[in-house]
Structures are given as C-alpha cells and as structure tokens.
Amino acid sequence: MSLLSVAEAQARILALGRPMPTAMVPLAQAAGRYAAADVVATRTQPAADLSAMDGYAIRFAERPGPWTVVGESAAGGGLANSLAPGEAARIFTGAPVPAGADTILIQEEASRDGDTLRESGEGPPRLGAHVRPAGNDFTAGQALIAAGAQLTPARIALAAVGGHGALPVRARVRVALISTGDELVPAGAPTPGVMLPSSNAPMLAALLAPLPVDLIDMGIVPDELATLTDAFRRAADIADVIVTTGGASVGDRDLVRPALAAAGAELDFWRIAMKPGKPLLAGTLGRAAVVGLPGNPVSAFVTATLFLAPLVRAMAGAADPLPPMMRGKLAAPLPPTGRRAEYVRGMLADGQIMPLSTQDSAALRALSEATLLIVRAAYAARADAGETVAFVPIG
C-alpha cells in the first residue's frame, strides 16, 4: 500500500466519521460544541434607542439649553410621555431614549440647578451622540451564528440576547482509547527495569478535552492478539471513535492491524507520507471509526492534531474541522526535506518562528516547549532565515 499524502489522508479520515445526531441543549451545556443549524435572532437588539452614557436626553438642535428636566429614564423602564420642546429627561446607561429626544448630554458636561439644565463644557459632538439605535447590534430574523460554528462564550451570550435559551447541537462523540504495549504501566505507577509510564493516554485526553467528547479510557491492553481483538469488539459496542496508540507498525509485536481484521474491521488506509507519524491507520469497525496512532508520543501528538481531532470536530458538526494553517517568518534555516512532508516542532521568538533543536519522535520535553508545527512539504528546498513558512499552532 503506497503512502498517502497528508491532505488525502485527512479527507479520507473525515469521510469515515458519521455525523452525530442532533439535540437541543440548554445554553449552560452548549460551550465548546458546534451549532447544528443556523441560529436566528427572535428579537431585535437593542429593542429601542438606548442611552450609552449617564446624563440627560435632549434635542441636539436646542443645545446649549436651557432645558427643563421633567422626569427620568432608567434601564428596564422609561419615560411615559414624549419630551416637548425645551424639555429634557435624566437618563442612565442602558435606559430607553424618550420620544422627542435624539441626543445624550453626558452628566460630566451638564450643569443643573433644580429642574433647570444647561450644557457645560463642549457638549455632545453631533446629533445622536451617545445613543445606541434600535437594531444597532442585530434585528429579529437576522442570522447570528452559522451552522458549524463553535459555540464560544461570546456566541453563547449572543444567542441568549438573541432570544434563545437552548441551541441545536450534535451529540457528544464517544471516544474509546486503547493503549497497547507490554512495556507500559499506568501513569504514576512504579516503572521497574525498562517499563514505561503510559503518556499517550493522558496526552490524548487533554488534547480532546476542549472538544465535545466523552472519553472512554479502556486502559493498557497487552500485545496479545486475542486480548486486543476482544478489546476492539468491546469498544465497537460503546464508542463512535476507537483510538489506539502503538502497535500499528510492521514488527512482530505490532498487532493492531491483525487484531482489527480479526474483530471484523475494514481498513481504509495505513501509513502516511509524513514525518513524524508515518505508521497511521484508519478504518471502520461496525459503526465506529478507527484511528490507529503511532506509539511514539510526539508522533501520536502530531497525528492526533492533524487527524484525530479534526475527525472528532467533523462528527460533532464543525464546519471547518481541520486545524488552522498560518504563516510566519523563520528565525533560523531549515534543511531540505525528503519524500515525506515534515512537521517540525517550533516556537515563536521575537515574532519569528524558531525550530527547536530536538526533533526526536520520543522527545516529550521538546514537544512541551513547542507552540507550533512548521509545515514542510515533501521534497522542499532548504528554507533560509527570513523566509515565510506555513505552521499549525499547537498547545
């Protein structure tokens, strides 16, 4: 099987995921999820002309006064009567502007003696100053949030002001995580001899935590064909996505592919033309998508960023599930690449992109310092300092 390009592999892995069903959830439960339909305003905001400042509602043409103060307008209330010529009203921030007024004289530039009001200082600079017009933010029937947009805190606030107490989203994605390897022990457990703490499981749990997922950690499964096959079958009954780490290469103890085949899975592709992360596999087992990540933690992180997280986002309804691609200038040169695309760990230094000196696929300390992945195409020429390169933000 030939090596797939990253772009082709991303397209194929996204096609494996089935969209999750849609449900209405209260705003308090919508954070981080994706709108399953356009969210349309059911009301106009502001519903009336409102004051943006504390002061007095006046007619601009009558400045600098004097005016007679005949009442006040507060947030949530208002003045029952229209202002006649020569009249003004005390007004507070967020209060409706009385009929007959068109401008706010802020209190710092007002002089009041009893009910007599005069302008002091420079006064309002223009007609309509310090007034938020009705519909200035949005009007009833206007689209507020597009389908597929992530529901950020600001968008949730927008939906609330737009008249919504619940929003349509897709169900959370159930992700079963299987760590393989006889050398692994749970994080925090003793590591006698050459045993190794399982770092991929907590790393992937943290990477997926901002997304709408329910993580099912199935623990460490030994390198035994029957045991691993049984784990896959159990995962297929409870998960929408099955994720493995390790065991996807070509060694005698790399049993993920034969175990998947024994469980009845259909393999879509295996191996990507990228570095790190070549031994990536994807397929389906029943109704679940399967993603087999490499065992080396840096490779697992990079491939999870480029393939697993986008799959979860797509299933959860994201309109743009792939990670954003940005551009910046190199602070140091990079050598030419070979037949695989390379994802070089780097960081920002004085506004430029600095590649890290350590690029080993098992070097977690260097990965922890990285804030971006520099994207280098296959067969790319040497890149000199000052050249513009593409990168994916991480961390």
Protein backbone atom coordinates (compact mmCIF):
# COMPACT_ATOMS: atom_id res chain seq x y z
CA MET A 1 0.00 0.00 0.00
CA SER A 2 1.56 3.32 -1.08
CA LEU A 3 1.94 6.23 1.30
CA LEU A 4 -0.90 8.76 1.26
CA SER A 5 -0.31 12.49 1.34
CA VAL A 6 -1.45 14.30 4.46
CA ALA A 7 -4.22 16.14 2.59
CA GLU A 8 -5.61 12.93 1.05
CA ALA A 9 -5.43 11.10 4.37
CA GLN A 10 -7.26 13.95 6.11
CA ALA A 11 -10.03 13.87 3.51
CA ARG A 12 -10.39 10.10 3.79
CA ILE A 13 -10.38 10.04 7.57
CA LEU A 14 -13.03 12.75 7.74
CA ALA A 15 -15.19 10.66 5.40
CA LEU A 16 -15.06 7.74 7.88
CA GLY A 17 -16.88 9.60 10.64
CA ARG A 18 -20.66 9.62 10.74
CA PRO A 19 -22.36 12.87 11.85
CA MET A 20 -23.68 12.64 15.36
CA PRO A 21 -27.46 13.04 15.95
CA THR A 22 -28.85 16.49 16.72
CA ALA A 23 -30.38 17.59 20.02
CA MET A 24 -31.38 20.83 21.76
CA VAL A 25 -29.27 21.63 24.82
CA PRO A 26 -29.53 24.50 27.33
CA LEU A 27 -27.04 27.33 26.86
CA ALA A 28 -25.19 26.25 30.00
CA GLN A 29 -24.36 22.92 28.31
CA ALA A 30 -23.52 24.29 24.86
CA ALA A 31 -19.97 25.60 25.42
CA GLY A 32 -17.41 24.12 23.04
CA ARG A 33 -19.99 22.38 20.88
CA TYR A 34 -20.96 23.26 17.31
CA ALA A 35 -24.23 24.76 16.11
CA ALA A 36 -26.18 22.09 14.22
CA ALA A 37 -28.24 24.74 12.40
CA ASP A 38 -28.17 28.48 11.82
CA VAL A 39 -29.13 30.39 14.95
CA VAL A 40 -31.50 33.24 14.05
CA ALA A 41 -32.46 36.17 16.26
CA THR A 42 -36.01 36.10 17.57
CA ARG A 43 -35.78 39.70 18.80
CA THR A 44 -34.13 42.99 17.92
CA GLN A 45 -31.18 44.28 19.95
CA PRO A 46 -31.41 46.94 21.20
CA ALA A 47 -35.18 46.74 21.14
CA ALA A 48 -35.34 50.56 21.34
CA ASP A 49 -32.95 53.51 21.17
CA LEU A 50 -30.88 53.29 24.36
CA SER A 51 -28.51 55.63 26.14
CA ALA A 52 -24.83 54.64 26.13
CA MET A 53 -23.99 57.01 28.99
CA ASP A 54 -25.40 58.51 32.16
CA GLY A 55 -26.65 62.04 31.51
CA TYR A 56 -29.67 63.78 30.04
CA ALA A 57 -31.81 63.11 26.98
CA ILE A 58 -32.13 66.31 24.93
CA ARG A 59 -32.83 67.67 21.45
CA PHE A 60 -29.48 68.39 19.77
CA ALA A 61 -30.92 71.43 17.96
CA GLU A 62 -31.71 73.07 21.34
CA ARG A 63 -28.20 72.99 22.79
CA PRO A 64 -26.75 74.64 24.84
CA GLY A 65 -30.13 74.92 26.58
CA PRO A 66 -31.60 75.75 28.93
CA TRP A 67 -33.97 72.79 29.34
CA THR A 68 -36.46 71.86 31.98
CA VAL A 69 -35.94 68.40 33.44
CA VAL A 70 -39.35 66.73 33.54
CA GLY A 71 -38.53 63.13 34.57
CA GLU A 72 -36.07 60.31 34.26
CA SER A 73 -35.50 57.14 32.25
CA ALA A 74 -33.81 54.10 33.79
CA ALA A 75 -32.75 50.73 32.38
CA GLY A 76 -35.76 48.44 32.09
CA GLY A 77 -38.16 51.38 32.35
CA GLY A 78 -38.61 54.64 30.53
CA LEU A 79 -40.42 57.94 30.38
CA ALA A 80 -44.10 57.55 29.67
CA ASN A 81 -44.53 60.87 27.87
CA SER A 82 -42.72 62.41 24.91
CA LEU A 83 -40.45 65.37 25.58
CA ALA A 84 -41.85 68.68 24.45
CA PRO A 85 -39.58 71.38 23.04
CA GLY A 86 -37.31 72.75 25.79
CA GLU A 87 -37.70 69.63 27.95
CA ALA A 88 -35.04 67.11 28.98
CA ALA A 89 -35.01 63.88 30.98
CA ARG A 90 -32.47 62.45 33.36
CA ILE A 91 -31.24 59.20 31.79
CA PHE A 92 -29.00 56.31 32.80
CA THR A 93 -26.85 53.90 30.81
CA GLY A 94 -28.98 51.28 29.06
CA ALA A 95 -32.21 53.25 29.51
CA PRO A 96 -34.58 53.94 26.59
CA VAL A 97 -34.27 57.36 24.99
CA PRO A 98 -37.62 59.20 25.42
CA ALA A 99 -39.62 60.14 22.36
CA GLY A 100 -38.80 63.70 21.37
CA ALA A 101 -35.11 63.38 22.33
CA ASP A 102 -32.31 62.50 19.91
CA THR A 103 -29.03 63.02 21.78
CA ILE A 104 -27.47 62.41 25.20
CA LEU A 105 -25.79 65.23 27.10
CA ILE A 106 -23.40 63.34 29.40
CA GLN A 107 -23.57 64.29 33.06
CA GLU A 108 -19.93 65.48 33.17
CA GLU A 109 -20.84 68.25 30.69
CA ALA A 110 -24.18 69.19 32.25
CA SER A 111 -24.96 71.90 34.78
CA ARG A 112 -28.22 71.50 36.68
CA ASP A 113 -29.86 73.90 39.11
CA GLY A 114 -33.07 72.32 40.39
CA ASP A 115 -35.03 71.38 37.27
CA THR A 116 -33.10 73.77 35.03
CA LEU A 117 -30.43 72.14 32.87
CA ARG A 118 -27.70 73.78 30.81
CA GLU A 119 -24.81 72.48 28.77
CA SER A 120 -21.32 72.99 30.16
CA GLY A 121 -18.06 72.03 28.53
CA GLU A 122 -18.00 71.00 24.87
CA GLY A 123 -21.33 69.18 24.93
CA PRO A 124 -22.37 66.33 22.59
CA PRO A 125 -20.27 66.38 19.39
CA ARG A 126 -23.08 65.50 16.99
CA LEU A 127 -26.74 64.68 16.58
CA GLY A 128 -27.38 61.23 18.06
CA ALA A 129 -24.28 61.26 20.24
CA HIS A 130 -24.20 58.54 22.95
CA VAL A 131 -27.36 56.87 21.61
CA ARG A 132 -27.38 53.18 20.68
CA PRO A 133 -30.03 52.99 17.94
CA ALA A 134 -32.64 50.23 17.94
CA GLY A 135 -31.32 47.24 15.98
CA ASN A 136 -27.76 48.55 16.12
CA ASP A 137 -26.49 45.06 17.07
CA PHE A 138 -28.99 42.90 15.17
CA THR A 139 -32.64 42.67 14.18
CA ALA A 140 -35.23 39.91 14.53
CA GLY A 141 -34.80 37.32 11.77
CA GLN A 142 -31.10 38.04 11.30
CA ALA A 143 -28.69 35.06 11.35
CA LEU A 144 -26.47 35.27 14.43
CA ILE A 145 -24.45 32.05 14.37
CA ALA A 146 -23.80 29.94 11.29
CA ALA A 147 -24.29 26.18 11.35
CA GLY A 148 -20.98 24.51 12.13
CA ALA A 149 -19.58 27.40 14.16
CA GLN A 150 -18.17 26.53 17.56
CA LEU A 151 -20.22 27.85 20.45
CA THR A 152 -17.75 30.09 22.22
CA PRO A 153 -18.64 32.10 25.35
CA ALA A 154 -19.28 35.19 23.20
CA ARG A 155 -21.56 33.29 20.82
CA ILE A 156 -23.48 31.80 23.72
CA ALA A 157 -24.04 35.31 25.06
CA LEU A 158 -25.12 36.42 21.59
CA ALA A 159 -27.63 33.56 21.39
CA ALA A 160 -29.04 34.47 24.80
CA VAL A 161 -29.55 38.12 23.84
CA GLY A 162 -30.98 36.92 20.53
CA GLY A 163 -33.80 35.22 22.44
CA HIS A 164 -32.55 31.64 22.80
CA GLY A 165 -32.35 29.56 25.97
CA ALA A 166 -31.27 26.38 24.17
CA LEU A 167 -29.39 25.64 20.96
CA PRO A 168 -29.29 22.79 18.41
CA VAL A 169 -26.03 20.83 18.63
CA ARG A 170 -24.81 17.38 17.72
CA ALA A 171 -24.41 14.72 20.38
CA ARG A 172 -21.08 14.36 22.12
CA VAL A 173 -18.66 11.98 20.40
CA ARG A 174 -17.83 8.85 22.41
CA VAL A 175 -14.11 8.14 22.00
CA ALA A 176 -12.66 4.83 23.25
CA LEU A 177 -8.92 4.98 23.88
CA ILE A 178 -6.85 1.78 23.83
CA SER A 179 -3.15 1.93 24.75
CA THR A 180 -1.11 -1.04 23.51
CA GLY A 181 2.28 -2.26 24.63
CA ASP A 182 3.68 -4.79 27.09
CA GLU A 183 6.17 -2.16 28.26
CA LEU A 184 3.51 0.26 29.52
CA VAL A 185 2.32 0.87 33.07
CA PRO A 186 -0.30 3.43 34.17
CA ALA A 187 0.99 6.94 34.74
CA GLY A 188 2.24 7.29 38.30
CA ALA A 189 2.84 3.56 38.79
CA PRO A 190 6.33 2.15 39.52
CA THR A 191 8.48 1.52 36.42
CA PRO A 192 10.76 -1.43 37.19
CA GLY A 193 13.50 -2.14 34.67
CA VAL A 194 12.63 -0.68 31.27
CA MET A 195 8.90 -0.36 31.88
CA LEU A 196 7.46 2.94 30.66
CA PRO A 197 4.68 5.18 32.01
CA SER A 198 1.75 5.45 29.62
CA SER A 199 1.91 9.07 28.45
CA ASN A 200 -0.21 8.90 25.29
CA ALA A 201 -3.48 8.26 27.10
CA PRO A 202 -3.36 11.36 29.36
CA MET A 203 -1.94 13.42 26.50
CA LEU A 204 -4.78 12.49 24.15
CA ALA A 205 -7.36 13.01 26.89
CA ALA A 206 -6.01 16.53 27.37
CA LEU A 207 -5.87 17.18 23.61
CA LEU A 208 -9.52 16.13 23.18
CA ALA A 209 -10.78 17.79 26.39
CA PRO A 210 -11.77 21.10 24.71
CA LEU A 211 -13.93 19.19 22.21
CA PRO A 212 -17.42 17.73 22.80
CA VAL A 213 -16.27 14.20 23.61
CA ASP A 214 -17.00 11.56 26.20
CA LEU A 215 -13.70 9.74 26.67
CA ILE A 216 -13.73 6.03 27.49
CA ASP A 217 -10.24 5.00 28.61
CA MET A 218 -10.02 1.25 28.14
CA GLY A 219 -6.58 1.13 29.70
CA ILE A 220 -3.44 -0.67 28.62
CA VAL A 221 -4.01 -3.78 26.50
CA PRO A 222 -1.11 -6.27 26.26
CA ASP A 223 0.41 -7.33 22.96
CA GLU A 224 -1.76 -10.42 22.63
CA LEU A 225 -3.87 -10.92 19.52
CA ALA A 226 -6.90 -12.44 21.28
CA THR A 227 -6.92 -9.85 24.07
CA LEU A 228 -6.57 -6.93 21.66
CA THR A 229 -9.24 -8.36 19.35
CA ASP A 230 -11.64 -8.63 22.28
CA ALA A 231 -10.88 -5.04 23.30
CA PHE A 232 -11.74 -3.81 19.80
CA ARG A 233 -15.04 -5.69 19.80
CA ARG A 234 -15.99 -4.27 23.19
CA ALA A 235 -15.02 -0.76 22.10
CA ALA A 236 -17.13 -1.02 18.94
CA ASP A 237 -20.23 -1.61 21.08
CA ILE A 238 -19.82 1.60 23.09
CA ALA A 239 -17.86 4.13 21.01
CA ASP A 240 -18.22 6.31 17.95
CA VAL A 241 -14.44 6.52 17.50
CA ILE A 242 -11.87 3.91 18.55
CA VAL A 243 -8.35 5.22 19.05
CA THR A 244 -5.28 3.06 19.54
CA THR A 245 -1.71 4.12 20.27
CA GLY A 246 1.19 1.89 19.33
CA GLY A 247 1.25 -1.45 17.56
CA ALA A 248 0.43 -0.07 14.12
CA SER A 249 3.83 -0.60 12.51
CA VAL A 250 5.30 -3.76 10.94
CA GLY A 251 7.06 -5.51 13.83
CA ASP A 252 6.20 -8.98 15.09
CA ARG A 253 4.55 -7.45 18.16
CA ASP A 254 2.63 -4.80 16.18
CA LEU A 255 -0.77 -6.47 16.38
CA VAL A 256 -3.24 -3.64 15.85
CA ARG A 257 -3.88 -4.42 12.19
CA PRO A 258 -4.32 -8.19 12.58
CA ALA A 259 -6.47 -7.68 15.69
CA LEU A 260 -8.70 -5.21 13.84
CA ALA A 261 -9.02 -7.68 10.97
CA ALA A 262 -9.94 -10.45 13.41
CA ALA A 263 -12.57 -8.20 15.00
CA GLY A 264 -14.14 -7.57 11.58
CA ALA A 265 -12.78 -4.09 10.84
CA GLU A 266 -12.33 -2.66 7.36
CA LEU A 267 -9.02 -0.88 6.85
CA ASP A 268 -9.24 2.27 4.74
CA PHE A 269 -5.57 3.25 4.71
CA TRP A 270 -2.30 2.62 6.52
CA ARG A 271 0.84 4.77 6.51
CA ILE A 272 1.15 8.45 5.66
CA ALA A 273 3.88 10.30 3.77
CA MET A 274 4.73 12.44 6.79
CA LYS A 275 7.37 12.75 9.48
CA PRO A 276 6.77 12.12 12.32
CA GLY A 277 3.73 9.86 12.12
CA LYS A 278 4.19 7.51 9.18
CA PRO A 279 2.52 4.43 10.80
CA LEU A 280 -1.01 5.85 10.99
CA LEU A 281 -4.00 3.69 10.11
CA ALA A 282 -7.70 4.38 9.72
CA GLY A 283 -10.78 2.32 9.05
CA THR A 284 -14.13 1.31 10.48
CA LEU A 285 -15.33 -1.36 12.88
CA GLY A 286 -19.10 -1.64 12.80
CA ARG A 287 -20.43 1.90 13.13
CA ALA A 288 -17.26 3.20 14.77
CA ALA A 289 -14.39 4.96 13.03
CA VAL A 290 -10.97 3.57 13.94
CA VAL A 291 -7.79 5.63 14.17
CA GLY A 292 -4.52 3.88 14.95
CA LEU A 293 -1.91 6.38 16.12
CA PRO A 294 1.83 5.69 16.40
CA GLY A 295 3.23 4.74 19.78
CA ASN A 296 5.95 7.37 19.99
CA PRO A 297 4.40 10.26 21.93
CA VAL A 298 5.47 13.06 19.58
CA SER A 299 4.20 11.11 16.58
CA ALA A 300 0.96 10.40 18.45
CA PHE A 301 0.55 14.09 19.28
CA VAL A 302 1.21 15.31 15.75
CA THR A 303 -1.09 12.77 14.11
CA ALA A 304 -3.80 13.34 16.71
CA THR A 305 -3.61 17.08 15.97
CA LEU A 306 -3.83 16.58 12.20
CA PHE A 307 -6.23 13.61 12.01
CA LEU A 308 -7.97 12.58 15.24
CA ALA A 309 -9.08 15.99 16.49
CA PRO A 310 -10.37 17.00 13.02
CA LEU A 311 -12.36 13.73 12.82
CA VAL A 312 -13.98 14.42 16.19
CA ARG A 313 -14.74 18.02 15.25
CA ALA A 314 -16.31 16.93 11.95
CA MET A 315 -18.51 14.32 13.66
CA ALA A 316 -19.52 16.95 16.21
CA GLY A 317 -20.66 19.27 13.42
CA ALA A 318 -17.74 21.65 12.86
CA ALA A 319 -17.87 23.46 9.52
CA ASP A 320 -14.06 23.79 9.45
CA PRO A 321 -12.67 20.75 11.29
CA LEU A 322 -9.05 20.95 10.12
CA PRO A 323 -6.50 22.85 12.23
CA PRO A 324 -5.83 26.41 11.06
CA MET A 325 -2.80 26.97 8.85
CA MET A 326 -0.90 30.21 9.48
CA ARG A 327 2.25 31.78 8.06
CA GLY A 328 5.30 33.44 9.56
CA LYS A 329 8.99 34.15 9.02
CA LEU A 330 11.74 31.74 10.00
CA ALA A 331 14.29 32.82 12.58
CA ALA A 332 16.72 30.03 11.57
CA PRO A 333 17.26 27.94 8.44
CA LEU A 334 15.72 24.51 7.80
CA PRO A 335 17.31 21.78 5.67
CA PRO A 336 15.62 20.36 2.56
CA THR A 337 13.09 17.57 3.04
CA GLY A 338 12.86 14.09 1.59
CA ARG A 339 9.90 12.16 0.21
CA ARG A 340 7.72 12.78 3.26
CA ALA A 341 6.18 16.03 4.48
CA GLU A 342 7.72 17.13 7.76
CA TYR A 343 6.09 18.72 10.80
CA VAL A 344 8.88 20.49 12.65
CA ARG A 345 8.31 21.48 16.26
CA GLY A 346 8.98 25.15 16.85
CA MET A 347 8.12 28.23 18.86
CA LEU A 348 7.76 31.97 18.40
CA ALA A 349 10.85 34.03 19.24
CA ASP A 350 10.64 37.83 18.85
CA GLY A 351 7.78 37.43 16.41
CA GLN A 352 9.63 34.88 14.26
CA ILE A 353 9.44 31.09 14.06
CA MET A 354 12.32 29.25 15.71
CA PRO A 355 12.65 25.50 15.05
CA LEU A 356 13.53 23.52 18.16
CA SER A 357 16.90 21.82 18.14
CA THR A 358 15.44 18.45 19.20
CA GLN A 359 13.07 16.76 16.74
CA ASP A 360 13.18 13.17 18.04
CA SER A 361 9.75 11.50 17.90
CA ALA A 362 10.00 10.40 21.54
CA ALA A 363 11.28 13.71 22.99
CA LEU A 364 8.40 14.95 25.12
CA ARG A 365 10.35 17.72 26.83
CA ALA A 366 10.96 19.41 23.48
CA LEU A 367 7.32 18.87 22.49
CA SER A 368 6.21 20.53 25.73
CA GLU A 369 8.16 23.66 24.73
CA ALA A 370 6.74 23.80 21.21
CA THR A 371 3.88 26.15 20.37
CA LEU A 372 3.61 25.35 16.67
CA LEU A 373 4.35 22.80 13.96
CA ILE A 374 6.25 24.14 10.96
CA VAL A 375 4.78 22.50 7.84
CA ARG A 376 7.37 21.44 5.28
CA ALA A 377 6.21 19.85 2.03
CA ALA A 378 7.87 16.74 0.63
CA TYR A 379 10.96 17.47 -1.48
CA ALA A 380 11.04 21.09 -0.26
CA ALA A 381 14.24 23.04 -0.83
CA ARG A 382 16.26 24.47 2.05
CA ALA A 383 14.44 27.32 3.78
CA ASP A 384 16.64 30.22 4.91
CA ALA A 385 16.13 32.54 7.85
CA GLY A 386 13.66 35.27 6.89
CA GLU A 387 11.68 33.07 4.51
CA THR A 388 7.93 32.68 5.06
CA VAL A 389 6.73 29.23 6.08
CA ALA A 390 3.39 27.67 6.98
CA PHE A 391 2.70 26.49 10.52
CA VAL A 392 -0.05 24.96 12.66
CA PRO A 393 -0.49 26.43 16.17
CA ILE A 394 -0.44 23.87 18.99
CA GLY A 395 -0.62 23.93 22.78
